[in-house]
Amino acid sequence: MREKGKNIVKYGVSALIAVIFVWMVAEKVDWNGFVQGLAQTRWGWVALFVVASLSALLFRTLRWRDMLRPVDDGVRTLDTWDAVNVGSLANIGLPGVGELLRCALVGRDRRNYGKFLGTMVMERIWDVLAILLIILLALALKWKAFGGFLKENILAAGGVSGNIRPGLVLAAAALIVLALGLLCWRLRERNRLAGKVWKAVESIFQGAKATLKMKNKFSFALYTALIWLSYILMSWFGLKALPDLASLGFADALFISAVGNLASVIPVPSGMGPYHYLVMTCLSGLYACSNEIGLLYAVLCHESHAVLIIILGVASYIRLQFRNK
C-alpha cells in the first residue's frame, strides 16, 4: 500500500506538471489562427516525418539489440523491437515505466533483468551525450542566433542567472547518490535491505560494463548516428510541412531537435506540455513566427510521433501475447 501511495503521488505530480505547461501554452494561443495554419499544412511532409520517426525506432531497436547481446546472445531482433514499442507506449502514460518494462519483456531469463537495466542506463548516457553534441554543433553553425536564445530562455529558466545553479544541483545529487551507494556497500553483509540494493546496483553495473564488450562497435556508432539523424530529419520535415517555417534550413532543424529533446528531461507523460512550450518558445523567439504556428509545429511533430508509437505499441503487445501463449 505504501508503494502504491508513492506511485499515486509521483504520477499525480507528473500529470500536474504537464497540465501547468499545457495551460501556459493555451493562454498564449489564438485558436482561430491555429486552425488557419492547420488548413495550410503540407501533409506529404508530415508523412515523411512519420517515415523518419519509424526509422529512428528501428535503429534504436538494432542498437539496443547489439548492446544486449554480450549479456544474452539469444536475444532476438523481433523481441527487441516489440519490447521497445511496448515500452514507448507505456511511457506515454507513465513516464519512466517504459524503460523498466522494456527490460522485463526483452529476455526470457529473468535473472538477467538487472543487467538489461544496465544496458538501458548506458543507452541513456549515450543519448545525453548525443543531445549535447547536437546543441554544440548547432551553436557552432549559428552562434549569433542560437547562443543568445539559449542563454536568455533555456539557461535562465533553469536558474543559471539566479541563485540556484543547475550544475551545483546535479553535483549535489551525484554526491548524495554516491554516499548512499557507499553506505549500502558498507552495510551489504549486515543489513538485508542494503544487501538487496547493492546486489541490484552491482547487476546494473555488470550490464553497463557488458555493453563495452560488443563485437561490432562500428555498427553501434552507426546506429547511434542514424538514430539522431532521423530525429533531425523529423524536425526538418516538420518545418517543411508549414509554409511559414518552410524557409528554415537544416541547422535550424538541428537546434530545434535539440531543444525538443530537452523536454524529455522533465518527467511528464510523453513530454506533453513541456515539449510544446519549449518548441513554441524557441520558434517564436528565434524566428518571430506567431505562437499559433509554433504550437502547430509542436503538435504536428509530437502527436504524429505519439500516434505512431500507439499503433506500433499495441501491435507489438498483441504479438507478445501470442508469443507467450
C-alpha atoms as a PDB file:
ATOM      1  CA  MET A   1       0.000   0.000   0.000  1.00  0.00           C
ATOM      2  CA  ARG A   2       2.850   2.358   0.818  1.00  0.00           C
ATOM      3  CA  GLU A   3       4.427   1.746  -2.619  1.00  0.00           C
ATOM      4  CA  LYS A   4       1.065   2.280  -4.293  1.00  0.00           C
ATOM      5  CA  GLY A   5       0.677   5.584  -2.461  1.00  0.00           C
ATOM      6  CA  LYS A   6       4.123   6.717  -3.590  1.00  0.00           C
ATOM      7  CA  ASN A   7       3.271   5.900  -7.202  1.00  0.00           C
ATOM      8  CA  ILE A   8      -0.006   7.819  -6.976  1.00  0.00           C
ATOM      9  CA  VAL A   9       1.849  10.884  -5.654  1.00  0.00           C
ATOM     10  CA  LYS A  10       4.648  10.562  -8.241  1.00  0.00           C
ATOM     11  CA  TYR A  11       2.374  10.244 -11.246  1.00  0.00           C
ATOM     12  CA  GLY A  12      -0.029  12.801  -9.831  1.00  0.00           C
ATOM     13  CA  VAL A  13       2.780  15.368  -9.636  1.00  0.00           C
ATOM     14  CA  SER A  14       3.877  14.381 -13.149  1.00  0.00           C
ATOM     15  CA  ALA A  15       0.369  14.942 -14.505  1.00  0.00           C
ATOM     16  CA  LEU A  16       0.126  18.284 -12.659  1.00  0.00           C
ATOM     17  CA  ILE A  17       3.376  19.488 -14.275  1.00  0.00           C
ATOM     18  CA  ALA A  18       2.005  18.534 -17.690  1.00  0.00           C
ATOM     19  CA  VAL A  19      -1.255  20.402 -17.018  1.00  0.00           C
ATOM     20  CA  ILE A  20       0.649  23.534 -15.933  1.00  0.00           C
ATOM     21  CA  PHE A  21       2.702  23.550 -19.143  1.00  0.00           C
ATOM     22  CA  VAL A  22      -0.389  22.924 -21.289  1.00  0.00           C
ATOM     23  CA  TRP A  23      -2.100  25.881 -19.588  1.00  0.00           C
ATOM     24  CA  MET A  24       0.979  28.069 -20.185  1.00  0.00           C
ATOM     25  CA  VAL A  25       0.773  27.189 -23.884  1.00  0.00           C
ATOM     26  CA  ALA A  26      -3.005  27.539 -24.220  1.00  0.00           C
ATOM     27  CA  GLU A  27      -3.169  31.037 -22.744  1.00  0.00           C
ATOM     28  CA  LYS A  28      -0.753  32.365 -25.373  1.00  0.00           C
ATOM     29  CA  VAL A  29      -2.512  30.965 -28.432  1.00  0.00           C
ATOM     30  CA  ASP A  30      -5.264  32.324 -30.689  1.00  0.00           C
ATOM     31  CA  TRP A  31      -7.009  29.109 -31.677  1.00  0.00           C
ATOM     32  CA  ASN A  32      -8.525  30.627 -34.835  1.00  0.00           C
ATOM     33  CA  GLY A  33      -5.001  31.295 -36.092  1.00  0.00           C
ATOM     34  CA  PHE A  34      -4.022  27.753 -35.121  1.00  0.00           C
ATOM     35  CA  VAL A  35      -6.857  26.285 -37.211  1.00  0.00           C
ATOM     36  CA  GLN A  36      -5.960  28.520 -40.182  1.00  0.00           C
ATOM     37  CA  GLY A  37      -2.374  27.293 -40.026  1.00  0.00           C
ATOM     38  CA  LEU A  38      -3.565  23.685 -39.832  1.00  0.00           C
ATOM     39  CA  ALA A  39      -5.549  24.175 -43.056  1.00  0.00           C
ATOM     40  CA  GLN A  40      -2.315  25.132 -44.870  1.00  0.00           C
ATOM     41  CA  THR A  41      -0.337  22.119 -43.641  1.00  0.00           C
ATOM     42  CA  ARG A  42       1.510  20.130 -46.319  1.00  0.00           C
ATOM     43  CA  TRP A  43       0.655  16.584 -45.334  1.00  0.00           C
ATOM     44  CA  GLY A  44       3.182  14.972 -47.659  1.00  0.00           C
ATOM     45  CA  TRP A  45       5.947  16.331 -45.427  1.00  0.00           C
ATOM     46  CA  VAL A  46       4.102  15.019 -42.367  1.00  0.00           C
ATOM     47  CA  ALA A  47       4.137  11.574 -43.996  1.00  0.00           C
ATOM     48  CA  LEU A  48       7.922  11.872 -44.419  1.00  0.00           C
ATOM     49  CA  PHE A  49       8.104  12.863 -40.747  1.00  0.00           C
ATOM     50  CA  VAL A  50       6.382   9.592 -39.841  1.00  0.00           C
ATOM     51  CA  VAL A  51       8.845   7.624 -42.018  1.00  0.00           C
ATOM     52  CA  ALA A  52      11.788   9.274 -40.249  1.00  0.00           C
ATOM     53  CA  SER A  53      10.146   8.581 -36.886  1.00  0.00           C
ATOM     54  CA  LEU A  54       9.755   4.917 -37.809  1.00  0.00           C
ATOM     55  CA  SER A  55      13.404   4.712 -38.874  1.00  0.00           C
ATOM     56  CA  ALA A  56      14.514   6.194 -35.524  1.00  0.00           C
ATOM     57  CA  LEU A  57      12.637   3.438 -33.680  1.00  0.00           C
ATOM     58  CA  LEU A  58      14.127   0.775 -35.960  1.00  0.00           C
ATOM     59  CA  PHE A  59      17.715   1.965 -35.499  1.00  0.00           C
ATOM     60  CA  ARG A  60      17.160   2.274 -31.736  1.00  0.00           C
ATOM     61  CA  THR A  61      15.995  -1.346 -31.712  1.00  0.00           C
ATOM     62  CA  LEU A  62      19.046  -2.553 -33.636  1.00  0.00           C
ATOM     63  CA  ARG A  63      21.424  -0.596 -31.384  1.00  0.00           C
ATOM     64  CA  TRP A  64      19.856  -1.919 -28.181  1.00  0.00           C
ATOM     65  CA  ARG A  65      19.919  -5.476 -29.551  1.00  0.00           C
ATOM     66  CA  ASP A  66      23.685  -5.155 -30.066  1.00  0.00           C
ATOM     67  CA  MET A  67      24.048  -3.788 -26.530  1.00  0.00           C
ATOM     68  CA  LEU A  68      22.086  -6.748 -25.132  1.00  0.00           C
ATOM     69  CA  ARG A  69      23.995  -9.477 -26.983  1.00  0.00           C
ATOM     70  CA  PRO A  70      27.004  -9.538 -24.558  1.00  0.00           C
ATOM     71  CA  VAL A  71      24.524 -10.151 -21.717  1.00  0.00           C
ATOM     72  CA  ASP A  72      22.280 -12.622 -23.558  1.00  0.00           C
ATOM     73  CA  ASP A  73      23.352 -13.726 -27.024  1.00  0.00           C
ATOM     74  CA  GLY A  74      19.930 -15.336 -27.569  1.00  0.00           C
ATOM     75  CA  VAL A  75      18.077 -12.011 -27.714  1.00  0.00           C
ATOM     76  CA  ARG A  76      16.128 -11.799 -30.971  1.00  0.00           C
ATOM     77  CA  THR A  77      15.652  -8.662 -33.075  1.00  0.00           C
ATOM     78  CA  LEU A  78      11.858  -9.041 -33.241  1.00  0.00           C
ATOM     79  CA  ASP A  79      11.569  -9.444 -29.451  1.00  0.00           C
ATOM     80  CA  THR A  80      13.740  -6.348 -29.002  1.00  0.00           C
ATOM     81  CA  TRP A  81      11.546  -4.416 -31.444  1.00  0.00           C
ATOM     82  CA  ASP A  82       8.395  -5.405 -29.561  1.00  0.00           C
ATOM     83  CA  ALA A  83       9.936  -4.517 -26.196  1.00  0.00           C
ATOM     84  CA  VAL A  84      10.962  -1.075 -27.464  1.00  0.00           C
ATOM     85  CA  ASN A  85       7.475  -0.403 -28.872  1.00  0.00           C
ATOM     86  CA  VAL A  86       5.584  -1.551 -25.768  1.00  0.00           C
ATOM     87  CA  GLY A  87       7.985   0.393 -23.543  1.00  0.00           C
ATOM     88  CA  SER A  88       7.480   3.549 -25.604  1.00  0.00           C
ATOM     89  CA  LEU A  89       3.710   3.045 -25.374  1.00  0.00           C
ATOM     90  CA  ALA A  90       3.924   2.728 -21.578  1.00  0.00           C
ATOM     91  CA  ASN A  91       5.938   5.952 -21.345  1.00  0.00           C
ATOM     92  CA  ILE A  92       3.079   7.884 -22.943  1.00  0.00           C
ATOM     93  CA  GLY A  93       1.003   7.370 -19.808  1.00  0.00           C
ATOM     94  CA  LEU A  94       3.602   6.629 -17.118  1.00  0.00           C
ATOM     95  CA  PRO A  95       6.987   8.315 -17.664  1.00  0.00           C
ATOM     96  CA  GLY A  96       9.938   6.132 -16.733  1.00  0.00           C
ATOM     97  CA  VAL A  97       7.950   2.897 -16.625  1.00  0.00           C
ATOM     98  CA  GLY A  98       8.704   2.104 -20.266  1.00  0.00           C
ATOM     99  CA  GLU A  99      12.414   1.516 -19.630  1.00  0.00           C
ATOM    100  CA  LEU A 100      11.675  -0.950 -16.833  1.00  0.00           C
ATOM    101  CA  LEU A 101       9.063  -2.699 -18.949  1.00  0.00           C
ATOM    102  CA  ARG A 102      11.423  -2.992 -21.910  1.00  0.00           C
ATOM    103  CA  CYS A 103      13.945  -4.858 -19.796  1.00  0.00           C
ATOM    104  CA  ALA A 104      11.268  -7.197 -18.445  1.00  0.00           C
ATOM    105  CA  LEU A 105       9.918  -8.039 -21.909  1.00  0.00           C
ATOM    106  CA  VAL A 106      13.047  -8.459 -23.995  1.00  0.00           C
ATOM    107  CA  GLY A 107      14.581 -11.557 -22.411  1.00  0.00           C
ATOM    108  CA  ARG A 108      13.316 -14.992 -21.443  1.00  0.00           C
ATOM    109  CA  ASP A 109      15.752 -15.294 -18.487  1.00  0.00           C
ATOM    110  CA  ARG A 110      14.500 -13.129 -15.605  1.00  0.00           C
ATOM    111  CA  ARG A 111      17.866 -13.394 -13.857  1.00  0.00           C
ATOM    112  CA  ASN A 112      19.308 -11.025 -16.470  1.00  0.00           C
ATOM    113  CA  TYR A 113      16.839  -8.229 -15.692  1.00  0.00           C
ATOM    114  CA  GLY A 114      19.340  -6.143 -13.701  1.00  0.00           C
ATOM    115  CA  LYS A 115      21.945  -6.490 -16.444  1.00  0.00           C
ATOM    116  CA  PHE A 116      19.384  -5.500 -19.087  1.00  0.00           C
ATOM    117  CA  LEU A 117      18.668  -2.421 -16.972  1.00  0.00           C
ATOM    118  CA  GLY A 118      22.400  -1.666 -17.046  1.00  0.00           C
ATOM    119  CA  THR A 119      22.344  -1.588 -20.846  1.00  0.00           C
ATOM    120  CA  MET A 120      19.432   0.851 -20.598  1.00  0.00           C
ATOM    121  CA  VAL A 121      21.494   3.130 -18.352  1.00  0.00           C
ATOM    122  CA  MET A 122      24.296   3.104 -20.924  1.00  0.00           C
ATOM    123  CA  GLU A 123      21.815   3.836 -23.705  1.00  0.00           C
ATOM    124  CA  ARG A 124      20.545   6.894 -21.854  1.00  0.00           C
ATOM    125  CA  ILE A 125      24.097   8.110 -21.250  1.00  0.00           C
ATOM    126  CA  TRP A 126      24.805   7.944 -24.981  1.00  0.00           C
ATOM    127  CA  ASP A 127      21.549   9.782 -25.692  1.00  0.00           C
ATOM    128  CA  VAL A 128      22.521  12.622 -23.338  1.00  0.00           C
ATOM    129  CA  LEU A 129      25.943  12.871 -24.998  1.00  0.00           C
ATOM    130  CA  ALA A 130      24.270  12.978 -28.423  1.00  0.00           C
ATOM    131  CA  ILE A 131      21.950  15.804 -27.350  1.00  0.00           C
ATOM    132  CA  LEU A 132      24.907  17.815 -26.035  1.00  0.00           C
ATOM    133  CA  LEU A 133      26.808  17.211 -29.283  1.00  0.00           C
ATOM    134  CA  ILE A 134      23.840  18.369 -31.368  1.00  0.00           C
ATOM    135  CA  ILE A 135      23.488  21.533 -29.279  1.00  0.00           C
ATOM    136  CA  LEU A 136      27.217  22.298 -29.660  1.00  0.00           C
ATOM    137  CA  LEU A 137      27.066  21.675 -33.416  1.00  0.00           C
ATOM    138  CA  ALA A 138      24.034  23.927 -33.789  1.00  0.00           C
ATOM    139  CA  LEU A 139      25.732  26.670 -31.754  1.00  0.00           C
ATOM    140  CA  ALA A 140      28.853  26.357 -33.885  1.00  0.00           C
ATOM    141  CA  LEU A 141      26.799  26.788 -37.059  1.00  0.00           C
ATOM    142  CA  LYS A 142      24.665  29.715 -35.850  1.00  0.00           C
ATOM    143  CA  TRP A 143      26.108  31.102 -32.638  1.00  0.00           C
ATOM    144  CA  LYS A 144      24.674  34.597 -33.023  1.00  0.00           C
ATOM    145  CA  ALA A 145      21.132  33.300 -33.461  1.00  0.00           C
ATOM    146  CA  PHE A 146      21.148  30.355 -31.078  1.00  0.00           C
ATOM    147  CA  GLY A 147      23.599  31.434 -28.369  1.00  0.00           C
ATOM    148  CA  GLY A 148      21.578  34.393 -27.150  1.00  0.00           C
ATOM    149  CA  PHE A 149      18.304  32.460 -27.222  1.00  0.00           C
ATOM    150  CA  LEU A 150      19.770  29.556 -25.252  1.00  0.00           C
ATOM    151  CA  LYS A 151      21.167  31.876 -22.599  1.00  0.00           C
ATOM    152  CA  GLU A 152      18.070  34.049 -22.237  1.00  0.00           C
ATOM    153  CA  ASN A 153      15.348  31.394 -22.415  1.00  0.00           C
ATOM    154  CA  ILE A 154      16.659  27.913 -21.572  1.00  0.00           C
ATOM    155  CA  LEU A 155      19.539  28.526 -19.160  1.00  0.00           C
ATOM    156  CA  ALA A 156      17.879  31.472 -17.463  1.00  0.00           C
ATOM    157  CA  ALA A 157      14.714  29.423 -16.962  1.00  0.00           C
ATOM    158  CA  GLY A 158      16.834  26.722 -15.327  1.00  0.00           C
ATOM    159  CA  GLY A 159      18.276  29.149 -12.805  1.00  0.00           C
ATOM    160  CA  VAL A 160      21.740  29.768 -14.263  1.00  0.00           C
ATOM    161  CA  SER A 161      21.309  33.501 -13.919  1.00  0.00           C
ATOM    162  CA  GLY A 162      19.772  33.185 -10.451  1.00  0.00           C
ATOM    163  CA  ASN A 163      20.955  31.974  -7.081  1.00  0.00           C
ATOM    164  CA  ILE A 164      20.496  28.248  -7.818  1.00  0.00           C
ATOM    165  CA  ARG A 165      22.771  26.822 -10.483  1.00  0.00           C
ATOM    166  CA  PRO A 166      21.805  23.525 -12.171  1.00  0.00           C
ATOM    167  CA  GLY A 167      25.431  22.398 -12.176  1.00  0.00           C
ATOM    168  CA  LEU A 168      25.605  22.656  -8.379  1.00  0.00           C
ATOM    169  CA  VAL A 169      22.268  20.847  -8.010  1.00  0.00           C
ATOM    170  CA  LEU A 170      23.484  17.999 -10.239  1.00  0.00           C
ATOM    171  CA  ALA A 171      26.776  17.794  -8.347  1.00  0.00           C
ATOM    172  CA  ALA A 172      24.938  17.671  -5.011  1.00  0.00           C
ATOM    173  CA  ALA A 173      22.593  14.959  -6.326  1.00  0.00           C
ATOM    174  CA  ALA A 174      25.565  12.926  -7.583  1.00  0.00           C
ATOM    175  CA  LEU A 175      27.274  13.186  -4.189  1.00  0.00           C
ATOM    176  CA  ILE A 176      24.106  12.043  -2.406  1.00  0.00           C
ATOM    177  CA  VAL A 177      23.739   9.046  -4.732  1.00  0.00           C
ATOM    178  CA  LEU A 178      27.421   8.183  -4.249  1.00  0.00           C
ATOM    179  CA  ALA A 179      27.109   8.441  -0.465  1.00  0.00           C
ATOM    180  CA  LEU A 180      24.047   6.170  -0.453  1.00  0.00           C
ATOM    181  CA  GLY A 181      25.878   3.681  -2.686  1.00  0.00           C
ATOM    182  CA  LEU A 182      28.869   3.596  -0.329  1.00  0.00           C
ATOM    183  CA  LEU A 183      26.543   3.160   2.649  1.00  0.00           C
ATOM    184  CA  CYS A 184      24.828   0.175   1.002  1.00  0.00           C
ATOM    185  CA  TRP A 185      28.217  -1.308   0.165  1.00  0.00           C
ATOM    186  CA  ARG A 186      29.421  -0.995   3.773  1.00  0.00           C
ATOM    187  CA  LEU A 187      26.201  -2.487   5.186  1.00  0.00           C
ATOM    188  CA  ARG A 188      25.636  -5.145   2.499  1.00  0.00           C
ATOM    189  CA  GLU A 189      26.683  -8.009   4.819  1.00  0.00           C
ATOM    190  CA  ARG A 190      24.833  -6.783   7.913  1.00  0.00           C
ATOM    191  CA  ASN A 191      21.616  -5.262   6.585  1.00  0.00           C
ATOM    192  CA  ARG A 192      19.219  -7.227   4.365  1.00  0.00           C
ATOM    193  CA  LEU A 193      17.807  -4.174   2.564  1.00  0.00           C
ATOM    194  CA  ALA A 194      21.269  -2.729   1.930  1.00  0.00           C
ATOM    195  CA  GLY A 195      22.363  -6.124   0.613  1.00  0.00           C
ATOM    196  CA  LYS A 196      19.478  -6.270  -1.861  1.00  0.00           C
ATOM    197  CA  VAL A 197      20.091  -2.696  -3.034  1.00  0.00           C
ATOM    198  CA  TRP A 198      23.802  -3.341  -3.519  1.00  0.00           C
ATOM    199  CA  LYS A 199      23.107  -6.571  -5.405  1.00  0.00           C
ATOM    200  CA  ALA A 200      20.773  -4.679  -7.766  1.00  0.00           C
ATOM    201  CA  VAL A 201      23.349  -1.911  -8.277  1.00  0.00           C
ATOM    202  CA  GLU A 202      26.040  -4.494  -8.955  1.00  0.00           C
ATOM    203  CA  SER A 203      23.850  -6.234 -11.534  1.00  0.00           C
ATOM    204  CA  ILE A 204      23.123  -2.938 -13.302  1.00  0.00           C
ATOM    205  CA  PHE A 205      26.832  -2.100 -13.321  1.00  0.00           C
ATOM    206  CA  GLN A 206      27.633  -5.509 -14.833  1.00  0.00           C
ATOM    207  CA  GLY A 207      25.097  -4.885 -17.596  1.00  0.00           C
ATOM    208  CA  ALA A 208      26.542  -1.444 -18.325  1.00  0.00           C
ATOM    209  CA  LYS A 209      30.063  -2.876 -18.364  1.00  0.00           C
ATOM    210  CA  ALA A 210      28.987  -5.702 -20.688  1.00  0.00           C
ATOM    211  CA  THR A 211      27.995  -3.211 -23.398  1.00  0.00           C
ATOM    212  CA  LEU A 212      31.684  -2.326 -23.756  1.00  0.00           C
ATOM    213  CA  LYS A 213      32.256  -5.891 -24.984  1.00  0.00           C
ATOM    214  CA  MET A 214      30.092  -5.522 -28.083  1.00  0.00           C
ATOM    215  CA  LYS A 215      31.607  -7.375 -31.020  1.00  0.00           C
ATOM    216  CA  ASN A 216      30.793  -4.720 -33.608  1.00  0.00           C
ATOM    217  CA  LYS A 217      31.376  -1.284 -32.144  1.00  0.00           C
ATOM    218  CA  PHE A 218      31.234   0.296 -35.607  1.00  0.00           C
ATOM    219  CA  SER A 219      27.592  -0.774 -36.045  1.00  0.00           C
ATOM    220  CA  PHE A 220      26.819   0.706 -32.603  1.00  0.00           C
ATOM    221  CA  ALA A 221      28.292   4.054 -33.649  1.00  0.00           C
ATOM    222  CA  LEU A 222      26.490   3.877 -36.998  1.00  0.00           C
ATOM    223  CA  TYR A 223      23.110   3.126 -35.407  1.00  0.00           C
ATOM    224  CA  THR A 224      23.614   5.965 -32.923  1.00  0.00           C
ATOM    225  CA  ALA A 225      24.346   8.401 -35.759  1.00  0.00           C
ATOM    226  CA  LEU A 226      21.337   7.165 -37.747  1.00  0.00           C
ATOM    227  CA  ILE A 227      19.028   7.480 -34.730  1.00  0.00           C
ATOM    228  CA  TRP A 228      19.872  11.132 -34.275  1.00  0.00           C
ATOM    229  CA  LEU A 229      19.943  11.860 -37.993  1.00  0.00           C
ATOM    230  CA  SER A 230      16.376  10.510 -38.066  1.00  0.00           C
ATOM    231  CA  TYR A 231      15.395  12.834 -35.210  1.00  0.00           C
ATOM    232  CA  ILE A 232      16.895  15.827 -37.009  1.00  0.00           C
ATOM    233  CA  LEU A 233      15.119  14.861 -40.240  1.00  0.00           C
ATOM    234  CA  MET A 234      11.876  14.656 -38.276  1.00  0.00           C
ATOM    235  CA  SER A 235      12.372  18.274 -37.184  1.00  0.00           C
ATOM    236  CA  TRP A 236      13.276  19.354 -40.711  1.00  0.00           C
ATOM    237  CA  PHE A 237      10.293  17.596 -42.314  1.00  0.00           C
ATOM    238  CA  GLY A 238       8.063  19.225 -39.687  1.00  0.00           C
ATOM    239  CA  LEU A 239       9.371  22.659 -40.688  1.00  0.00           C
ATOM    240  CA  LYS A 240       8.748  21.933 -44.368  1.00  0.00           C
ATOM    241  CA  ALA A 241       5.155  20.928 -43.570  1.00  0.00           C
ATOM    242  CA  LEU A 242       4.279  24.524 -42.610  1.00  0.00           C
ATOM    243  CA  PRO A 243       4.610  27.311 -45.236  1.00  0.00           C
ATOM    244  CA  ASP A 244       5.542  29.895 -42.573  1.00  0.00           C
ATOM    245  CA  LEU A 245       8.548  27.793 -41.491  1.00  0.00           C
ATOM    246  CA  ALA A 246       9.490  26.098 -44.772  1.00  0.00           C
ATOM    247  CA  SER A 247      12.359  28.516 -45.457  1.00  0.00           C
ATOM    248  CA  LEU A 248      14.282  27.368 -42.367  1.00  0.00           C
ATOM    249  CA  GLY A 249      17.292  25.172 -43.031  1.00  0.00           C
ATOM    250  CA  PHE A 250      18.976  22.082 -41.680  1.00  0.00           C
ATOM    251  CA  ALA A 251      20.911  23.994 -38.998  1.00  0.00           C
ATOM    252  CA  ASP A 252      17.615  25.337 -37.662  1.00  0.00           C
ATOM    253  CA  ALA A 253      16.192  21.806 -37.577  1.00  0.00           C
ATOM    254  CA  LEU A 254      19.309  20.722 -35.699  1.00  0.00           C
ATOM    255  CA  PHE A 255      18.775  23.258 -32.910  1.00  0.00           C
ATOM    256  CA  ILE A 256      15.007  22.745 -32.694  1.00  0.00           C
ATOM    257  CA  SER A 257      15.554  18.990 -32.416  1.00  0.00           C
ATOM    258  CA  ALA A 258      17.967  19.534 -29.507  1.00  0.00           C
ATOM    259  CA  VAL A 259      15.552  21.904 -27.735  1.00  0.00           C
ATOM    260  CA  GLY A 260      12.698  19.429 -28.194  1.00  0.00           C
ATOM    261  CA  ASN A 261      14.777  16.628 -26.714  1.00  0.00           C
ATOM    262  CA  LEU A 262      15.479  18.740 -23.635  1.00  0.00           C
ATOM    263  CA  ALA A 263      11.780  18.273 -22.810  1.00  0.00           C
ATOM    264  CA  SER A 264      12.450  14.571 -22.263  1.00  0.00           C
ATOM    265  CA  VAL A 265      14.330  15.505 -19.078  1.00  0.00           C
ATOM    266  CA  ILE A 266      11.069  16.706 -17.497  1.00  0.00           C
ATOM    267  CA  PRO A 267       9.176  13.672 -16.120  1.00  0.00           C
ATOM    268  CA  VAL A 268       5.718  14.128 -17.638  1.00  0.00           C
ATOM    269  CA  PRO A 269       3.645  11.693 -19.723  1.00  0.00           C
ATOM    270  CA  SER A 270       5.026  11.593 -23.282  1.00  0.00           C
ATOM    271  CA  GLY A 271       6.634  15.033 -22.851  1.00  0.00           C
ATOM    272  CA  MET A 272       3.147  16.526 -23.156  1.00  0.00           C
ATOM    273  CA  GLY A 273       3.258  20.226 -22.303  1.00  0.00           C
ATOM    274  CA  PRO A 274       6.985  20.898 -21.815  1.00  0.00           C
ATOM    275  CA  TYR A 275       7.786  19.857 -25.398  1.00  0.00           C
ATOM    276  CA  HIS A 276       5.066  22.095 -26.826  1.00  0.00           C
ATOM    277  CA  TYR A 277       6.055  25.042 -24.628  1.00  0.00           C
ATOM    278  CA  LEU A 278       9.804  24.794 -25.312  1.00  0.00           C
ATOM    279  CA  VAL A 279       9.401  24.359 -29.074  1.00  0.00           C
ATOM    280  CA  MET A 280       6.786  27.111 -29.368  1.00  0.00           C
ATOM    281  CA  THR A 281       9.003  29.475 -27.372  1.00  0.00           C
ATOM    282  CA  CYS A 282      12.014  28.535 -29.497  1.00  0.00           C
ATOM    283  CA  LEU A 283      10.261  29.165 -32.825  1.00  0.00           C
ATOM    284  CA  SER A 284       8.583  32.421 -31.790  1.00  0.00           C
ATOM    285  CA  GLY A 285      11.726  33.719 -30.059  1.00  0.00           C
ATOM    286  CA  LEU A 286      14.187  32.865 -32.827  1.00  0.00           C
ATOM    287  CA  TYR A 287      12.148  33.399 -35.980  1.00  0.00           C
ATOM    288  CA  ALA A 288       9.433  35.822 -34.856  1.00  0.00           C
ATOM    289  CA  CYS A 289       6.694  33.469 -36.033  1.00  0.00           C
ATOM    290  CA  SER A 290       3.355  33.533 -34.218  1.00  0.00           C
ATOM    291  CA  ASN A 291       2.706  31.388 -31.176  1.00  0.00           C
ATOM    292  CA  GLU A 292      -0.018  29.680 -33.196  1.00  0.00           C
ATOM    293  CA  ILE A 293       2.442  28.486 -35.859  1.00  0.00           C
ATOM    294  CA  GLY A 294       4.985  27.480 -33.218  1.00  0.00           C
ATOM    295  CA  LEU A 295       2.391  25.423 -31.378  1.00  0.00           C
ATOM    296  CA  LEU A 296       1.100  23.902 -34.622  1.00  0.00           C
ATOM    297  CA  TYR A 297       4.607  22.703 -35.457  1.00  0.00           C
ATOM    298  CA  ALA A 298       4.950  21.175 -31.979  1.00  0.00           C
ATOM    299  CA  VAL A 299       1.544  19.488 -32.193  1.00  0.00           C
ATOM    300  CA  LEU A 300       2.205  18.040 -35.664  1.00  0.00           C
ATOM    301  CA  CYS A 301       5.561  16.605 -34.580  1.00  0.00           C
ATOM    302  CA  HIS A 302       4.586  15.400 -31.110  1.00  0.00           C
ATOM    303  CA  GLU A 303       1.175  13.955 -31.921  1.00  0.00           C
ATOM    304  CA  SER A 304       2.270  12.309 -35.202  1.00  0.00           C
ATOM    305  CA  HIS A 305       5.038  10.551 -33.285  1.00  0.00           C
ATOM    306  CA  ALA A 306       2.648   9.642 -30.447  1.00  0.00           C
ATOM    307  CA  VAL A 307       0.093   8.114 -32.835  1.00  0.00           C
ATOM    308  CA  LEU A 308       2.831   6.033 -34.466  1.00  0.00           C
ATOM    309  CA  ILE A 309       4.014   4.814 -31.047  1.00  0.00           C
ATOM    310  CA  ILE A 310       0.460   3.876 -30.038  1.00  0.00           C
ATOM    311  CA  ILE A 311      -0.113   1.870 -33.234  1.00  0.00           C
ATOM    312  CA  LEU A 312       3.236   0.069 -33.017  1.00  0.00           C
ATOM    313  CA  GLY A 313       2.941  -0.433 -29.258  1.00  0.00           C
ATOM    314  CA  VAL A 314      -0.493  -2.040 -29.481  1.00  0.00           C
ATOM    315  CA  ALA A 315       0.624  -4.273 -32.393  1.00  0.00           C
ATOM    316  CA  SER A 316       3.751  -5.380 -30.502  1.00  0.00           C
ATOM    317  CA  TYR A 317       1.783  -6.011 -27.310  1.00  0.00           C
ATOM    318  CA  ILE A 318      -0.612  -8.291 -29.219  1.00  0.00           C
ATOM    319  CA  ARG A 319       2.293 -10.164 -30.788  1.00  0.00           C
ATOM    320  CA  LEU A 320       3.962 -10.638 -27.389  1.00  0.00           C
ATOM    321  CA  GLN A 321       0.733 -12.101 -26.020  1.00  0.00           C
ATOM    322  CA  PHE A 322       0.708 -14.700 -28.800  1.00  0.00           C
ATOM    323  CA  ARG A 323       4.409 -15.405 -28.209  1.00  0.00           C
ATOM    324  CA  ASN A 324       3.839 -16.057 -24.523  1.00  0.00           C
ATOM    325  CA  LYS A 325       0.975 -18.422 -25.293  1.00  0.00           C
END
